[in-house]
Amino acid sequence: MDMETRVQRAVDNFMAGYGCCQSVVAAFADLYGLDDVMAKRIAAGFGGGVGRLRMMCGAVSAIVMLVGLDCGQTEGSDREGKSACYKVVQDLLAQSKAENGSLICAEILGLEGYQKAQNSYVASARTAEYYKTRPCAAKVESAARIFARYLEERRREGEKE
């Protein structure tokens, strides 16, 4: 499956009612041996800026999860591997912030003065009005495209070696 198809799959997932993080992770999960259901379960709690707390955007959280699947270290003492993973995360999140203005869900949604006390764990109904007023589909597309570009760059670098 080409990268453009994966980006579109991420947007389609979101439009089908999945959270931002679920939508992006599921679009790439098969590359890492995860099936669609498991990918959506792992990413489920990151919606709404992590449990609807409006902290880090779910689409941004998906980038972090996918980088971990792609290049995360598996030995606790592997500081070099850990550092390499952190570098990729920081680079891709810098791209996301540059494209979207923020990494924070509340800021992206324009929820000025947002406080935890105003928060609810109840998921928003996915109505036509919801999709009209939320920038989330575009943020899902942005995150998927950023990760797809990263994968393409890695592939090209691998071909040069």
Protein backbone atom coordinates (compact mmCIF):
# COMPACT_ATOMS: atom_id res chain seq x y z
CA MET A 1 0.00 0.00 0.00
CA ASP A 2 1.45 3.38 -0.94
CA MET A 3 1.83 6.20 1.56
CA GLU A 4 -0.89 8.38 0.04
CA THR A 5 -3.35 5.52 0.53
CA ARG A 6 -2.28 5.27 4.18
CA VAL A 7 -2.82 9.00 4.69
CA GLN A 8 -6.30 8.70 3.20
CA ARG A 9 -7.00 5.65 5.35
CA ALA A 10 -6.16 7.70 8.45
CA VAL A 11 -8.65 10.41 7.42
CA ASP A 12 -11.28 7.80 6.54
CA ASN A 13 -10.82 6.18 9.96
CA PHE A 14 -11.44 9.53 11.64
CA MET A 15 -14.50 10.23 9.53
CA ALA A 16 -15.81 6.77 10.50
CA GLY A 17 -15.79 7.84 14.16
CA TYR A 18 -12.38 6.71 15.45
CA GLY A 19 -10.28 9.01 17.57
CA CYS A 20 -7.39 10.98 16.12
CA CYS A 21 -4.73 8.69 17.54
CA GLN A 22 -6.59 5.51 16.56
CA SER A 23 -7.05 6.80 13.04
CA VAL A 24 -3.37 7.45 12.40
CA VAL A 25 -1.94 4.43 14.22
CA ALA A 26 -4.31 2.02 12.48
CA ALA A 27 -3.34 3.38 9.06
CA PHE A 28 0.27 2.23 9.57
CA ALA A 29 -0.08 -0.61 12.10
CA ASP A 30 0.26 -3.45 9.62
CA LEU A 31 3.82 -2.32 8.89
CA TYR A 32 4.67 -3.36 12.45
CA GLY A 33 2.70 -6.59 12.70
CA LEU A 34 -0.29 -5.07 14.48
CA ASP A 35 -3.76 -5.85 13.25
CA ASP A 36 -6.38 -3.11 12.91
CA VAL A 37 -8.28 -4.06 16.08
CA MET A 38 -5.19 -4.18 18.30
CA ALA A 39 -3.90 -0.89 16.89
CA LYS A 40 -7.21 0.82 17.63
CA ARG A 41 -7.28 -0.62 21.16
CA ILE A 42 -3.74 0.50 21.96
CA ALA A 43 -4.47 4.02 20.70
CA ALA A 44 -8.01 4.35 22.12
CA GLY A 45 -7.14 6.23 25.31
CA PHE A 46 -5.23 8.97 23.52
CA GLY A 47 -8.30 10.58 21.94
CA GLY A 48 -9.41 14.06 22.91
CA GLY A 49 -5.89 15.04 23.85
CA VAL A 50 -5.37 11.95 26.06
CA GLY A 51 -8.58 10.74 27.65
CA ARG A 52 -10.36 13.92 26.53
CA LEU A 53 -8.18 15.98 28.89
CA ARG A 54 -7.23 18.19 25.90
CA MET A 55 -3.50 17.76 26.48
CA MET A 56 -1.28 16.48 23.65
CA CYS A 57 -3.27 16.10 20.43
CA GLY A 58 -4.22 12.50 19.67
CA ALA A 59 -2.85 12.72 16.13
CA VAL A 60 0.46 13.91 17.59
CA SER A 61 0.37 11.05 20.12
CA ALA A 62 0.00 8.71 17.14
CA ILE A 63 3.24 10.01 15.66
CA VAL A 64 4.99 9.23 18.96
CA MET A 65 3.52 5.73 19.09
CA LEU A 66 4.45 4.98 15.49
CA VAL A 67 8.01 6.21 15.95
CA GLY A 68 8.29 3.86 18.91
CA LEU A 69 7.08 0.99 16.77
CA ASP A 70 9.47 1.97 14.00
CA CYS A 71 12.70 2.64 15.87
CA GLY A 72 12.11 2.31 19.60
CA GLN A 73 14.80 0.58 21.60
CA THR A 74 13.97 -2.69 23.32
CA GLU A 75 16.84 -2.92 25.80
CA GLY A 76 16.54 -0.74 28.88
CA SER A 77 20.26 0.02 28.94
CA ASP A 78 20.36 1.09 25.26
CA ARG A 79 20.80 4.84 25.80
CA GLU A 80 21.97 5.34 22.21
CA GLY A 81 18.82 3.67 20.83
CA LYS A 82 16.62 5.60 23.23
CA SER A 83 18.30 8.86 22.24
CA ALA A 84 17.90 8.08 18.52
CA CYS A 85 14.18 7.44 19.03
CA TYR A 86 13.78 10.67 21.00
CA LYS A 87 15.51 12.59 18.21
CA VAL A 88 13.04 11.27 15.62
CA VAL A 89 10.11 12.10 17.93
CA GLN A 90 11.38 15.63 18.48
CA ASP A 91 12.01 16.18 14.76
CA LEU A 92 8.56 14.96 13.71
CA LEU A 93 6.77 16.82 16.49
CA ALA A 94 8.59 20.01 15.49
CA GLN A 95 7.19 19.50 11.99
CA SER A 96 3.71 18.99 13.40
CA LYS A 97 3.93 22.12 15.55
CA ALA A 98 5.16 24.14 12.57
CA GLU A 99 2.27 22.89 10.41
CA ASN A 100 -0.48 23.09 13.02
CA GLY A 101 0.57 25.85 15.42
CA SER A 102 0.53 23.66 18.52
CA LEU A 103 0.83 20.12 19.82
CA ILE A 104 -1.85 20.74 22.45
CA CYS A 105 -5.42 19.64 21.72
CA ALA A 106 -7.07 22.54 23.60
CA GLU A 107 -4.99 25.09 21.70
CA ILE A 108 -5.65 23.44 18.34
CA LEU A 109 -9.39 23.46 19.08
CA GLY A 110 -9.27 27.08 20.23
CA LEU A 111 -10.45 26.27 23.75
CA GLU A 112 -8.99 29.37 25.40
CA GLY A 113 -8.93 29.30 29.15
CA TYR A 114 -9.57 25.57 29.09
CA GLN A 115 -9.42 24.06 32.57
CA LYS A 116 -9.60 20.47 33.79
CA ALA A 117 -12.68 21.37 35.81
CA GLN A 118 -14.54 22.00 32.56
CA ASN A 119 -13.51 18.64 31.21
CA SER A 120 -15.77 15.69 30.67
CA TYR A 121 -14.86 12.13 29.82
CA VAL A 122 -17.97 11.84 27.63
CA ALA A 123 -17.00 11.57 23.96
CA SER A 124 -18.53 14.08 21.58
CA ALA A 125 -21.26 12.84 19.27
CA ARG A 126 -19.96 12.57 15.72
CA THR A 127 -22.53 14.60 13.85
CA ALA A 128 -22.29 16.61 10.65
CA GLU A 129 -21.94 19.73 12.82
CA TYR A 130 -19.05 18.14 14.75
CA TYR A 131 -17.12 17.52 11.55
CA LYS A 132 -17.84 21.07 10.28
CA THR A 133 -16.54 22.76 13.42
CA ARG A 134 -13.49 20.62 14.22
CA PRO A 135 -10.09 20.83 12.53
CA CYS A 136 -9.33 17.27 13.63
CA ALA A 137 -9.58 15.57 10.22
CA ALA A 138 -6.95 17.98 8.91
CA LYS A 139 -4.73 17.29 11.94
CA VAL A 140 -5.09 13.53 11.37
CA GLU A 141 -4.10 14.04 7.74
CA SER A 142 -1.14 16.19 8.78
CA ALA A 143 0.13 13.62 11.30
CA ALA A 144 -0.26 10.75 8.83
CA ARG A 145 1.53 12.74 6.13
CA ILE A 146 4.40 13.66 8.49
CA PHE A 147 4.89 10.01 9.43
CA ALA A 148 4.57 8.88 5.79
CA ARG A 149 7.26 11.40 4.76
CA TYR A 150 9.51 10.10 7.54
CA LEU A 151 9.07 6.52 6.27
CA GLU A 152 9.75 7.57 2.68
CA GLU A 153 12.92 9.42 3.72
CA ARG A 154 14.11 6.37 5.69
CA ARG A 155 13.41 4.15 2.68
CA ARG A 156 15.38 6.45 0.36
CA GLU A 157 18.30 6.58 2.80
CA GLY A 158 18.26 2.77 2.99
CA GLU A 159 18.46 2.54 -0.80
CA LYS A 160 21.55 4.78 -0.83
CA GLU A 161 23.43 2.52 1.61
